[in-house]
Amino acid sequence: MKGTLRHFSLIPPGGGGMLAHAVAHVASAIKMRESGTSGKGIESVISGVERLIAAGKLAEAADALERGVSGTEAAGAVNEWVRLARDRAITEQALTLLQAYATSISLT
């Protein structure tokens, strides 16, 4: 998904034509990767999302990704992932509650 994000982050709002997509494809392939996370570019967004996922903060990662690509053509490319990530976070939270409930019942 990183490559797709990099590509679509270079497309102007409104979509652009075939030439814009071709240039974005080439530019995303040769673009120097940003180091660190202090910038506001797509690399910073990707890095921040990866850190949140590694920390087990899936809902926050979905929010960060959605905010990071808002207003770009990449927003459409991440919609499904964001929805699935939020669904999984809700499912994990429900499972945690059920496990806690089962534990409390078994102790009484």
PDB file of N, CA and C in Angstrom:
ATOM      1  N   MET A   1       0.820  -1.178   0.000  1.00  0.00           N
ATOM      2  CA  MET A   1       0.000   0.000   0.000  1.00  0.00           C
ATOM      3  C   MET A   1       0.873   1.255   0.000  1.00  0.00           C
ATOM      4  N   LYS A   2       2.100   1.144   0.500  1.00  0.00           N
ATOM      5  CA  LYS A   2       2.974   2.322   0.551  1.00  0.00           C
ATOM      6  C   LYS A   2       3.194   2.922  -0.831  1.00  0.00           C
ATOM      7  N   GLY A   3       3.455   2.068  -1.803  1.00  0.00           N
ATOM      8  CA  GLY A   3       3.694   2.555  -3.156  1.00  0.00           C
ATOM      9  C   GLY A   3       2.484   3.284  -3.717  1.00  0.00           C
ATOM     10  N   THR A   4       1.306   2.741  -3.454  1.00  0.00           N
ATOM     11  CA  THR A   4       0.070   3.380  -3.907  1.00  0.00           C
ATOM     12  C   THR A   4      -0.098   4.737  -3.251  1.00  0.00           C
ATOM     13  N   LEU A   5       0.177   4.813  -1.948  1.00  0.00           N
ATOM     14  CA  LEU A   5       0.060   6.088  -1.240  1.00  0.00           C
ATOM     15  C   LEU A   5       1.028   7.117  -1.796  1.00  0.00           C
ATOM     16  N   ARG A   6       2.252   6.679  -2.018  1.00  0.00           N
ATOM     17  CA  ARG A   6       3.250   7.605  -2.564  1.00  0.00           C
ATOM     18  C   ARG A   6       2.811   8.122  -3.931  1.00  0.00           C
ATOM     19  N   HIS A   7       2.310   7.224  -4.760  1.00  0.00           N
ATOM     20  CA  HIS A   7       1.870   7.593  -6.103  1.00  0.00           C
ATOM     21  C   HIS A   7       0.715   8.587  -6.047  1.00  0.00           C
ATOM     22  N   PHE A   8      -0.343   8.239  -5.319  1.00  0.00           N
ATOM     23  CA  PHE A   8      -1.532   9.086  -5.302  1.00  0.00           C
ATOM     24  C   PHE A   8      -1.325  10.391  -4.548  1.00  0.00           C
ATOM     25  N   SER A   9      -0.345  10.437  -3.660  1.00  0.00           N
ATOM     26  CA  SER A   9      -0.085  11.698  -2.961  1.00  0.00           C
ATOM     27  C   SER A   9       0.493  12.750  -3.908  1.00  0.00           C
ATOM     28  N   LEU A  10       1.010  12.307  -5.047  1.00  0.00           N
ATOM     29  CA  LEU A  10       1.590  13.228  -6.027  1.00  0.00           C
ATOM     30  C   LEU A  10       0.596  13.658  -7.106  1.00  0.00           C
ATOM     31  N   ILE A  11      -0.602  13.094  -7.083  1.00  0.00           N
ATOM     32  CA  ILE A  11      -1.635  13.454  -8.062  1.00  0.00           C
ATOM     33  C   ILE A  11      -2.363  14.694  -7.555  1.00  0.00           C
ATOM     34  N   PRO A  12      -2.555  15.689  -8.399  1.00  0.00           N
ATOM     35  CA  PRO A  12      -3.256  16.897  -7.950  1.00  0.00           C
ATOM     36  C   PRO A  12      -4.724  16.607  -7.638  1.00  0.00           C
ATOM     37  N   PRO A  13      -5.330  17.390  -6.741  1.00  0.00           N
ATOM     38  CA  PRO A  13      -6.762  17.217  -6.469  1.00  0.00           C
ATOM     39  C   PRO A  13      -7.552  17.324  -7.773  1.00  0.00           C
ATOM     40  N   GLY A  14      -8.520  16.469  -7.919  1.00  0.00           N
ATOM     41  CA  GLY A  14      -9.288  16.445  -9.158  1.00  0.00           C
ATOM     42  C   GLY A  14      -8.844  15.326 -10.078  1.00  0.00           C
ATOM     43  N   GLY A  15      -7.742  14.702  -9.782  1.00  0.00           N
ATOM     44  CA  GLY A  15      -7.324  13.504 -10.486  1.00  0.00           C
ATOM     45  C   GLY A  15      -6.239  13.642 -11.521  1.00  0.00           C
ATOM     46  N   GLY A  16      -6.206  14.713 -12.269  1.00  0.00           N
ATOM     47  CA  GLY A  16      -5.193  14.819 -13.308  1.00  0.00           C
ATOM     48  C   GLY A  16      -5.462  13.816 -14.419  1.00  0.00           C
ATOM     49  N   GLY A  17      -4.690  13.869 -15.450  1.00  0.00           N
ATOM     50  CA  GLY A  17      -4.862  12.972 -16.584  1.00  0.00           C
ATOM     51  C   GLY A  17      -3.821  11.873 -16.593  1.00  0.00           C
ATOM     52  N   MET A  18      -3.697  11.238 -17.751  1.00  0.00           N
ATOM     53  CA  MET A  18      -2.740  10.144 -17.891  1.00  0.00           C
ATOM     54  C   MET A  18      -1.314  10.621 -17.656  1.00  0.00           C
ATOM     55  N   LEU A  19      -0.992  11.808 -18.132  1.00  0.00           N
ATOM     56  CA  LEU A  19       0.359  12.336 -17.957  1.00  0.00           C
ATOM     57  C   LEU A  19       0.664  12.549 -16.478  1.00  0.00           C
ATOM     58  N   ALA A  20      -0.299  13.083 -15.733  1.00  0.00           N
ATOM     59  CA  ALA A  20      -0.094  13.303 -14.293  1.00  0.00           C
ATOM     60  C   ALA A  20       0.168  11.984 -13.583  1.00  0.00           C
ATOM     61  N   HIS A  21      -0.571  10.941 -13.954  1.00  0.00           N
ATOM     62  CA  HIS A  21      -0.365   9.630 -13.333  1.00  0.00           C
ATOM     63  C   HIS A  21       0.989   9.040 -13.721  1.00  0.00           C
ATOM     64  N   ALA A  22       1.386   9.217 -14.967  1.00  0.00           N
ATOM     65  CA  ALA A  22       2.684   8.703 -15.407  1.00  0.00           C
ATOM     66  C   ALA A  22       3.823   9.402 -14.673  1.00  0.00           C
ATOM     67  N   VAL A  23       3.735  10.713 -14.576  1.00  0.00           N
ATOM     68  CA  VAL A  23       4.771  11.473 -13.866  1.00  0.00           C
ATOM     69  C   VAL A  23       4.785  11.095 -12.388  1.00  0.00           C
ATOM     70  N   ALA A  24       3.610  10.950 -11.781  1.00  0.00           N
ATOM     71  CA  ALA A  24       3.537  10.570 -10.366  1.00  0.00           C
ATOM     72  C   ALA A  24       4.139   9.193 -10.144  1.00  0.00           C
ATOM     73  N   HIS A  25       3.894   8.274 -11.074  1.00  0.00           N
ATOM     74  CA  HIS A  25       4.442   6.922 -10.949  1.00  0.00           C
ATOM     75  C   HIS A  25       5.971   6.952 -10.965  1.00  0.00           C
ATOM     76  N   VAL A  26       6.522   7.673 -11.909  1.00  0.00           N
ATOM     77  CA  VAL A  26       7.985   7.774 -12.007  1.00  0.00           C
ATOM     78  C   VAL A  26       8.551   8.515 -10.800  1.00  0.00           C
ATOM     79  N   ALA A  27       7.921   9.625 -10.444  1.00  0.00           N
ATOM     80  CA  ALA A  27       8.422  10.427  -9.316  1.00  0.00           C
ATOM     81  C   ALA A  27       8.364   9.654  -8.010  1.00  0.00           C
ATOM     82  N   SER A  28       7.302   8.874  -7.800  1.00  0.00           N
ATOM     83  CA  SER A  28       7.204   8.119  -6.546  1.00  0.00           C
ATOM     84  C   SER A  28       8.249   7.019  -6.488  1.00  0.00           C
ATOM     85  N   ALA A  29       8.649   6.512  -7.650  1.00  0.00           N
ATOM     86  CA  ALA A  29       9.670   5.465  -7.684  1.00  0.00           C
ATOM     87  C   ALA A  29      11.065   6.012  -7.408  1.00  0.00           C
ATOM     88  N   ILE A  30      11.340   7.249  -7.831  1.00  0.00           N
ATOM     89  CA  ILE A  30      12.695   7.783  -7.665  1.00  0.00           C
ATOM     90  C   ILE A  30      12.818   8.786  -6.527  1.00  0.00           C
ATOM     91  N   LYS A  31      11.702   9.122  -5.905  1.00  0.00           N
ATOM     92  CA  LYS A  31      11.710  10.125  -4.832  1.00  0.00           C
ATOM     93  C   LYS A  31      12.582   9.652  -3.677  1.00  0.00           C
ATOM     94  N   MET A  32      13.362  10.568  -3.150  1.00  0.00           N
ATOM     95  CA  MET A  32      14.172  10.257  -1.976  1.00  0.00           C
ATOM     96  C   MET A  32      13.250  10.083  -0.784  1.00  0.00           C
ATOM     97  N   ARG A  33      13.447   9.033  -0.042  1.00  0.00           N
ATOM     98  CA  ARG A  33      12.621   8.788   1.130  1.00  0.00           C
ATOM     99  C   ARG A  33      13.012   9.763   2.222  1.00  0.00           C
ATOM    100  N   GLU A  34      12.003  10.343   2.880  1.00  0.00           N
ATOM    101  CA  GLU A  34      12.260  11.277   3.971  1.00  0.00           C
ATOM    102  C   GLU A  34      12.716  10.491   5.188  1.00  0.00           C
ATOM    103  N   SER A  35      13.651  11.047   5.921  1.00  0.00           N
ATOM    104  CA  SER A  35      14.064  10.390   7.156  1.00  0.00           C
ATOM    105  C   SER A  35      13.375  11.085   8.312  1.00  0.00           C
ATOM    106  N   GLY A  36      13.043  10.321   9.324  1.00  0.00           N
ATOM    107  CA  GLY A  36      12.368  10.906  10.477  1.00  0.00           C
ATOM    108  C   GLY A  36      10.890  11.085  10.221  1.00  0.00           C
ATOM    109  N   THR A  37      10.216  11.664  11.211  1.00  0.00           N
ATOM    110  CA  THR A  37       8.774  11.812  11.104  1.00  0.00           C
ATOM    111  C   THR A  37       8.333  13.237  11.348  1.00  0.00           C
ATOM    112  N   SER A  38       9.268  14.181  11.306  1.00  0.00           N
ATOM    113  CA  SER A  38       8.923  15.555  11.640  1.00  0.00           C
ATOM    114  C   SER A  38       8.252  16.296  10.487  1.00  0.00           C
ATOM    115  N   GLY A  39       8.379  15.789   9.275  1.00  0.00           N
ATOM    116  CA  GLY A  39       7.801  16.472   8.127  1.00  0.00           C
ATOM    117  C   GLY A  39       6.309  16.242   7.998  1.00  0.00           C
ATOM    118  N   LYS A  40       5.751  16.831   6.955  1.00  0.00           N
ATOM    119  CA  LYS A  40       4.326  16.680   6.717  1.00  0.00           C
ATOM    120  C   LYS A  40       4.056  15.882   5.451  1.00  0.00           C
ATOM    121  N   GLY A  41       5.081  15.320   4.845  1.00  0.00           N
ATOM    122  CA  GLY A  41       4.915  14.572   3.603  1.00  0.00           C
ATOM    123  C   GLY A  41       4.342  13.189   3.839  1.00  0.00           C
ATOM    124  N   ILE A  42       4.116  12.489   2.744  1.00  0.00           N
ATOM    125  CA  ILE A  42       3.513  11.159   2.809  1.00  0.00           C
ATOM    126  C   ILE A  42       4.413  10.176   3.548  1.00  0.00           C
ATOM    127  N   GLU A  43       5.730  10.346   3.441  1.00  0.00           N
ATOM    128  CA  GLU A  43       6.641   9.448   4.158  1.00  0.00           C
ATOM    129  C   GLU A  43       6.461   9.583   5.664  1.00  0.00           C
ATOM    130  N   SER A  44       6.238  10.795   6.140  1.00  0.00           N
ATOM    131  CA  SER A  44       5.998  11.012   7.566  1.00  0.00           C
ATOM    132  C   SER A  44       4.699  10.359   7.994  1.00  0.00           C
ATOM    133  N   VAL A  45       3.690  10.456   7.141  1.00  0.00           N
ATOM    134  CA  VAL A  45       2.402   9.818   7.437  1.00  0.00           C
ATOM    135  C   VAL A  45       2.581   8.307   7.518  1.00  0.00           C
ATOM    136  N   ILE A  46       3.249   7.727   6.533  1.00  0.00           N
ATOM    137  CA  ILE A  46       3.468   6.281   6.506  1.00  0.00           C
ATOM    138  C   ILE A  46       4.254   5.839   7.729  1.00  0.00           C
ATOM    139  N   SER A  47       5.309   6.567   8.063  1.00  0.00           N
ATOM    140  CA  SER A  47       6.127   6.225   9.224  1.00  0.00           C
ATOM    141  C   SER A  47       5.311   6.279  10.514  1.00  0.00           C
ATOM    142  N   GLY A  48       4.505   7.321  10.662  1.00  0.00           N
ATOM    143  CA  GLY A  48       3.675   7.447  11.858  1.00  0.00           C
ATOM    144  C   GLY A  48       2.654   6.330  11.961  1.00  0.00           C
ATOM    145  N   VAL A  49       2.044   5.974  10.844  1.00  0.00           N
ATOM    146  CA  VAL A  49       1.057   4.889  10.832  1.00  0.00           C
ATOM    147  C   VAL A  49       1.733   3.564  11.182  1.00  0.00           C
ATOM    148  N   GLU A  50       2.915   3.319  10.637  1.00  0.00           N
ATOM    149  CA  GLU A  50       3.641   2.085  10.953  1.00  0.00           C
ATOM    150  C   GLU A  50       3.968   2.000  12.440  1.00  0.00           C
ATOM    151  N   ARG A  51       4.365   3.122  13.042  1.00  0.00           N
ATOM    152  CA  ARG A  51       4.662   3.138  14.480  1.00  0.00           C
ATOM    153  C   ARG A  51       3.412   2.817  15.297  1.00  0.00           C
ATOM    154  N   LEU A  52       2.288   3.410  14.923  1.00  0.00           N
ATOM    155  CA  LEU A  52       1.045   3.163  15.651  1.00  0.00           C
ATOM    156  C   LEU A  52       0.610   1.707  15.523  1.00  0.00           C
ATOM    157  N   ILE A  53       0.750   1.135  14.337  1.00  0.00           N
ATOM    158  CA  ILE A  53       0.394  -0.277  14.148  1.00  0.00           C
ATOM    159  C   ILE A  53       1.293  -1.157  15.001  1.00  0.00           C
ATOM    160  N   ALA A  54       2.590  -0.872  15.004  1.00  0.00           N
ATOM    161  CA  ALA A  54       3.530  -1.657  15.809  1.00  0.00           C
ATOM    162  C   ALA A  54       3.205  -1.571  17.295  1.00  0.00           C
ATOM    163  N   ALA A  55       2.643  -0.436  17.721  1.00  0.00           N
ATOM    164  CA  ALA A  55       2.274  -0.253  19.127  1.00  0.00           C
ATOM    165  C   ALA A  55       0.895  -0.839  19.435  1.00  0.00           C
ATOM    166  N   GLY A  56       0.244  -1.416  18.422  1.00  0.00           N
ATOM    167  CA  GLY A  56      -1.066  -2.014  18.633  1.00  0.00           C
ATOM    168  C   GLY A  56      -2.208  -1.009  18.662  1.00  0.00           C
ATOM    169  N   LYS A  57      -1.973   0.180  18.156  1.00  0.00           N
ATOM    170  CA  LYS A  57      -2.990   1.242  18.165  1.00  0.00           C
ATOM    171  C   LYS A  57      -3.602   1.355  16.771  1.00  0.00           C
ATOM    172  N   LEU A  58      -4.401   0.367  16.427  1.00  0.00           N
ATOM    173  CA  LEU A  58      -4.942   0.271  15.078  1.00  0.00           C
ATOM    174  C   LEU A  58      -5.930   1.387  14.750  1.00  0.00           C
ATOM    175  N   ALA A  59      -6.812   1.718  15.679  1.00  0.00           N
ATOM    176  CA  ALA A  59      -7.789   2.789  15.428  1.00  0.00           C
ATOM    177  C   ALA A  59      -7.078   4.130  15.244  1.00  0.00           C
ATOM    178  N   GLU A  60      -6.057   4.380  16.052  1.00  0.00           N
ATOM    179  CA  GLU A  60      -5.292   5.623  15.911  1.00  0.00           C
ATOM    180  C   GLU A  60      -4.533   5.653  14.590  1.00  0.00           C
ATOM    181  N   ALA A  61      -4.029   4.487  14.159  1.00  0.00           N
ATOM    182  CA  ALA A  61      -3.333   4.404  12.875  1.00  0.00           C
ATOM    183  C   ALA A  61      -4.288   4.731  11.730  1.00  0.00           C
ATOM    184  N   ALA A  62      -5.512   4.215  11.815  1.00  0.00           N
ATOM    185  CA  ALA A  62      -6.514   4.502  10.784  1.00  0.00           C
ATOM    186  C   ALA A  62      -6.828   5.994  10.740  1.00  0.00           C
ATOM    187  N   ASP A  63      -6.990   6.593  11.914  1.00  0.00           N
ATOM    188  CA  ASP A  63      -7.264   8.038  11.978  1.00  0.00           C
ATOM    189  C   ASP A  63      -6.108   8.848  11.399  1.00  0.00           C
ATOM    190  N   ALA A  64      -4.884   8.472  11.770  1.00  0.00           N
ATOM    191  CA  ALA A  64      -3.700   9.199  11.294  1.00  0.00           C
ATOM    192  C   ALA A  64      -3.560   9.087   9.777  1.00  0.00           C
ATOM    193  N   LEU A  65      -3.809   7.904   9.246  1.00  0.00           N
ATOM    194  CA  LEU A  65      -3.708   7.714   7.801  1.00  0.00           C
ATOM    195  C   LEU A  65      -4.782   8.519   7.077  1.00  0.00           C
ATOM    196  N   GLU A  66      -5.988   8.487   7.600  1.00  0.00           N
ATOM    197  CA  GLU A  66      -7.084   9.236   6.982  1.00  0.00           C
ATOM    198  C   GLU A  66      -6.795  10.739   6.980  1.00  0.00           C
ATOM    199  N   ARG A  67      -6.299  11.249   8.112  1.00  0.00           N
ATOM    200  CA  ARG A  67      -5.940  12.673   8.195  1.00  0.00           C
ATOM    201  C   ARG A  67      -4.781  13.005   7.263  1.00  0.00           C
ATOM    202  N   GLY A  68      -3.795  12.116   7.216  1.00  0.00           N
ATOM    203  CA  GLY A  68      -2.586  12.374   6.437  1.00  0.00           C
ATOM    204  C   GLY A  68      -2.807  12.460   4.941  1.00  0.00           C
ATOM    205  N   VAL A  69      -3.813  11.756   4.440  1.00  0.00           N
ATOM    206  CA  VAL A  69      -4.055  11.767   2.996  1.00  0.00           C
ATOM    207  C   VAL A  69      -5.306  12.563   2.623  1.00  0.00           C
ATOM    208  N   SER A  70      -5.918  13.186   3.597  1.00  0.00           N
ATOM    209  CA  SER A  70      -7.128  13.969   3.351  1.00  0.00           C
ATOM    210  C   SER A  70      -6.873  15.055   2.309  1.00  0.00           C
ATOM    211  N   GLY A  71      -7.765  15.161   1.360  1.00  0.00           N
ATOM    212  CA  GLY A  71      -7.633  16.179   0.327  1.00  0.00           C
ATOM    213  C   GLY A  71      -6.733  15.793  -0.827  1.00  0.00           C
ATOM    214  N   THR A  72      -6.240  14.551  -0.826  1.00  0.00           N
ATOM    215  CA  THR A  72      -5.402  14.080  -1.931  1.00  0.00           C
ATOM    216  C   THR A  72      -6.097  12.917  -2.622  1.00  0.00           C
ATOM    217  N   GLU A  73      -5.587  12.531  -3.762  1.00  0.00           N
ATOM    218  CA  GLU A  73      -6.131  11.373  -4.469  1.00  0.00           C
ATOM    219  C   GLU A  73      -5.860  10.079  -3.699  1.00  0.00           C
ATOM    220  N   ALA A  74      -4.894  10.103  -2.784  1.00  0.00           N
ATOM    221  CA  ALA A  74      -4.589   8.917  -1.988  1.00  0.00           C
ATOM    222  C   ALA A  74      -5.722   8.588  -1.025  1.00  0.00           C
ATOM    223  N   ALA A  75      -6.570   9.555  -0.711  1.00  0.00           N
ATOM    224  CA  ALA A  75      -7.676   9.326   0.225  1.00  0.00           C
ATOM    225  C   ALA A  75      -8.577   8.198  -0.259  1.00  0.00           C
ATOM    226  N   GLY A  76      -8.857   8.160  -1.538  1.00  0.00           N
ATOM    227  CA  GLY A  76      -9.696   7.093  -2.080  1.00  0.00           C
ATOM    228  C   GLY A  76      -9.022   5.735  -2.009  1.00  0.00           C
ATOM    229  N   ALA A  77      -7.709   5.718  -2.111  1.00  0.00           N
ATOM    230  CA  ALA A  77      -6.973   4.457  -2.095  1.00  0.00           C
ATOM    231  C   ALA A  77      -6.918   3.828  -0.711  1.00  0.00           C
ATOM    232  N   VAL A  78      -7.089   4.617   0.345  1.00  0.00           N
ATOM    233  CA  VAL A  78      -6.959   4.081   1.702  1.00  0.00           C
ATOM    234  C   VAL A  78      -8.292   3.838   2.390  1.00  0.00           C
ATOM    235  N   ASN A  79      -9.398   4.231   1.765  1.00  0.00           N
ATOM    236  CA  ASN A  79     -10.706   4.096   2.411  1.00  0.00           C
ATOM    237  C   ASN A  79     -10.985   2.689   2.915  1.00  0.00           C
ATOM    238  N   GLU A  80     -10.747   1.690   2.086  1.00  0.00           N
ATOM    239  CA  GLU A  80     -11.042   0.302   2.469  1.00  0.00           C
ATOM    240  C   GLU A  80     -10.154  -0.137   3.633  1.00  0.00           C
ATOM    241  N   TRP A  81      -8.858   0.194   3.576  1.00  0.00           N
ATOM    242  CA  TRP A  81      -7.956  -0.191   4.663  1.00  0.00           C
ATOM    243  C   TRP A  81      -8.380   0.476   5.968  1.00  0.00           C
ATOM    244  N   VAL A  82      -8.722   1.749   5.908  1.00  0.00           N
ATOM    245  CA  VAL A  82      -9.146   2.482   7.105  1.00  0.00           C
ATOM    246  C   VAL A  82     -10.393   1.837   7.697  1.00  0.00           C
ATOM    247  N   ARG A  83     -11.355   1.487   6.844  1.00  0.00           N
ATOM    248  CA  ARG A  83     -12.586   0.854   7.324  1.00  0.00           C
ATOM    249  C   ARG A  83     -12.286  -0.498   7.979  1.00  0.00           C
ATOM    250  N   LEU A  84     -11.462  -1.302   7.321  1.00  0.00           N
ATOM    251  CA  LEU A  84     -11.115  -2.617   7.868  1.00  0.00           C
ATOM    252  C   LEU A  84     -10.319  -2.495   9.170  1.00  0.00           C
ATOM    253  N   ALA A  85      -9.421  -1.525   9.242  1.00  0.00           N
ATOM    254  CA  ALA A  85      -8.636  -1.323  10.464  1.00  0.00           C
ATOM    255  C   ALA A  85      -9.544  -0.931  11.626  1.00  0.00           C
ATOM    256  N   ARG A  86     -10.486  -0.053  11.371  1.00  0.00           N
ATOM    257  CA  ARG A  86     -11.428   0.348  12.431  1.00  0.00           C
ATOM    258  C   ARG A  86     -12.309  -0.823  12.850  1.00  0.00           C
ATOM    259  N   ASP A  87     -12.770  -1.607  11.883  1.00  0.00           N
ATOM    260  CA  ASP A  87     -13.574  -2.789  12.207  1.00  0.00           C
ATOM    261  C   ASP A  87     -12.785  -3.760  13.078  1.00  0.00           C
ATOM    262  N   ARG A  88     -11.518  -3.961  12.736  1.00  0.00           N
ATOM    263  CA  ARG A  88     -10.695  -4.877  13.528  1.00  0.00           C
ATOM    264  C   ARG A  88     -10.473  -4.334  14.935  1.00  0.00           C
ATOM    265  N   ALA A  89     -10.239  -3.032  15.064  1.00  0.00           N
ATOM    266  CA  ALA A  89     -10.046  -2.431  16.387  1.00  0.00           C
ATOM    267  C   ALA A  89     -11.293  -2.616  17.243  1.00  0.00           C
ATOM    268  N   ILE A  90     -12.466  -2.446  16.646  1.00  0.00           N
ATOM    269  CA  ILE A  90     -13.723  -2.651  17.378  1.00  0.00           C
ATOM    270  C   ILE A  90     -13.868  -4.108  17.782  1.00  0.00           C
ATOM    271  N   THR A  91     -13.532  -5.019  16.881  1.00  0.00           N
ATOM    272  CA  THR A  91     -13.615  -6.449  17.175  1.00  0.00           C
ATOM    273  C   THR A  91     -12.666  -6.831  18.304  1.00  0.00           C
ATOM    274  N   GLU A  92     -11.443  -6.309  18.269  1.00  0.00           N
ATOM    275  CA  GLU A  92     -10.477  -6.604  19.331  1.00  0.00           C
ATOM    276  C   GLU A  92     -10.952  -6.058  20.673  1.00  0.00           C
ATOM    277  N   GLN A  93     -11.557  -4.881  20.667  1.00  0.00           N
ATOM    278  CA  GLN A  93     -12.077  -4.304  21.905  1.00  0.00           C
ATOM    279  C   GLN A  93     -13.228  -5.153  22.448  1.00  0.00           C
ATOM    280  N   ALA A  94     -14.107  -5.611  21.573  1.00  0.00           N
ATOM    281  CA  ALA A  94     -15.220  -6.464  22.001  1.00  0.00           C
ATOM    282  C   ALA A  94     -14.699  -7.779  22.564  1.00  0.00           C
ATOM    283  N   LEU A  95     -13.686  -8.344  21.942  1.00  0.00           N
ATOM    284  CA  LEU A  95     -13.095  -9.589  22.429  1.00  0.00           C
ATOM    285  C   LEU A  95     -12.483  -9.397  23.811  1.00  0.00           C
ATOM    286  N   THR A  96     -11.802  -8.292  24.017  1.00  0.00           N
ATOM    287  CA  THR A  96     -11.221  -7.993  25.326  1.00  0.00           C
ATOM    288  C   THR A  96     -12.306  -7.898  26.388  1.00  0.00           C
ATOM    289  N   LEU A  97     -13.415  -7.237  26.061  1.00  0.00           N
ATOM    290  CA  LEU A  97     -14.530  -7.128  27.007  1.00  0.00           C
ATOM    291  C   LEU A  97     -15.140  -8.491  27.311  1.00  0.00           C
ATOM    292  N   LEU A  98     -15.310  -9.317  26.280  1.00  0.00           N
ATOM    293  CA  LEU A  98     -15.868 -10.656  26.493  1.00  0.00           C
ATOM    294  C   LEU A  98     -14.943 -11.514  27.347  1.00  0.00           C
ATOM    295  N   GLN A  99     -13.645 -11.407  27.120  1.00  0.00           N
ATOM    296  CA  GLN A  99     -12.689 -12.166  27.929  1.00  0.00           C
ATOM    297  C   GLN A  99     -12.727 -11.708  29.380  1.00  0.00           C
ATOM    298  N   ALA A 100     -12.816 -10.408  29.600  1.00  0.00           N
ATOM    299  CA  ALA A 100     -12.901  -9.884  30.966  1.00  0.00           C
ATOM    300  C   ALA A 100     -14.187 -10.345  31.635  1.00  0.00           C
ATOM    301  N   TYR A 101     -15.285 -10.337  30.895  1.00  0.00           N
ATOM    302  CA  TYR A 101     -16.567 -10.786  31.436  1.00  0.00           C
ATOM    303  C   TYR A 101     -16.507 -12.272  31.783  1.00  0.00           C
ATOM    304  N   ALA A 102     -15.941 -13.072  30.885  1.00  0.00           N
ATOM    305  CA  ALA A 102     -15.828 -14.509  31.139  1.00  0.00           C
ATOM    306  C   ALA A 102     -14.957 -14.776  32.358  1.00  0.00           C
ATOM    307  N   THR A 103     -13.901 -14.023  32.512  1.00  0.00           N
ATOM    308  CA  THR A 103     -13.022 -14.180  33.674  1.00  0.00           C
ATOM    309  C   THR A 103     -13.753 -13.816  34.951  1.00  0.00           C
ATOM    310  N   SER A 104     -14.502 -12.728  34.923  1.00  0.00           N
ATOM    311  CA  SER A 104     -15.225 -12.307  36.133  1.00  0.00           C
ATOM    312  C   SER A 104     -16.310 -13.307  36.508  1.00  0.00           C
ATOM    313  N   ILE A 105     -16.957 -13.912  35.532  1.00  0.00           N
ATOM    314  CA  ILE A 105     -17.985 -14.919  35.827  1.00  0.00           C
ATOM    315  C   ILE A 105     -17.345 -16.167  36.413  1.00  0.00           C
ATOM    316  N   SER A 106     -16.201 -16.554  35.892  1.00  0.00           N
ATOM    317  CA  SER A 106     -15.557 -17.776  36.379  1.00  0.00           C
ATOM    318  C   SER A 106     -15.026 -17.611  37.800  1.00  0.00           C
ATOM    319  N   LEU A 107     -14.793 -16.381  38.226  1.00  0.00           N
ATOM    320  CA  LEU A 107     -14.278 -16.139  39.575  1.00  0.00           C
ATOM    321  C   LEU A 107     -15.386 -16.011  40.609  1.00  0.00           C
ATOM    322  N   THR A 108     -16.627 -15.882  40.166  1.00  0.00           N
ATOM    323  CA  THR A 108     -17.729 -15.735  41.132  1.00  0.00           C
ATOM    324  C   THR A 108     -18.490 -17.004  41.323  1.00  0.00           C
TER     325      THR A 108
END
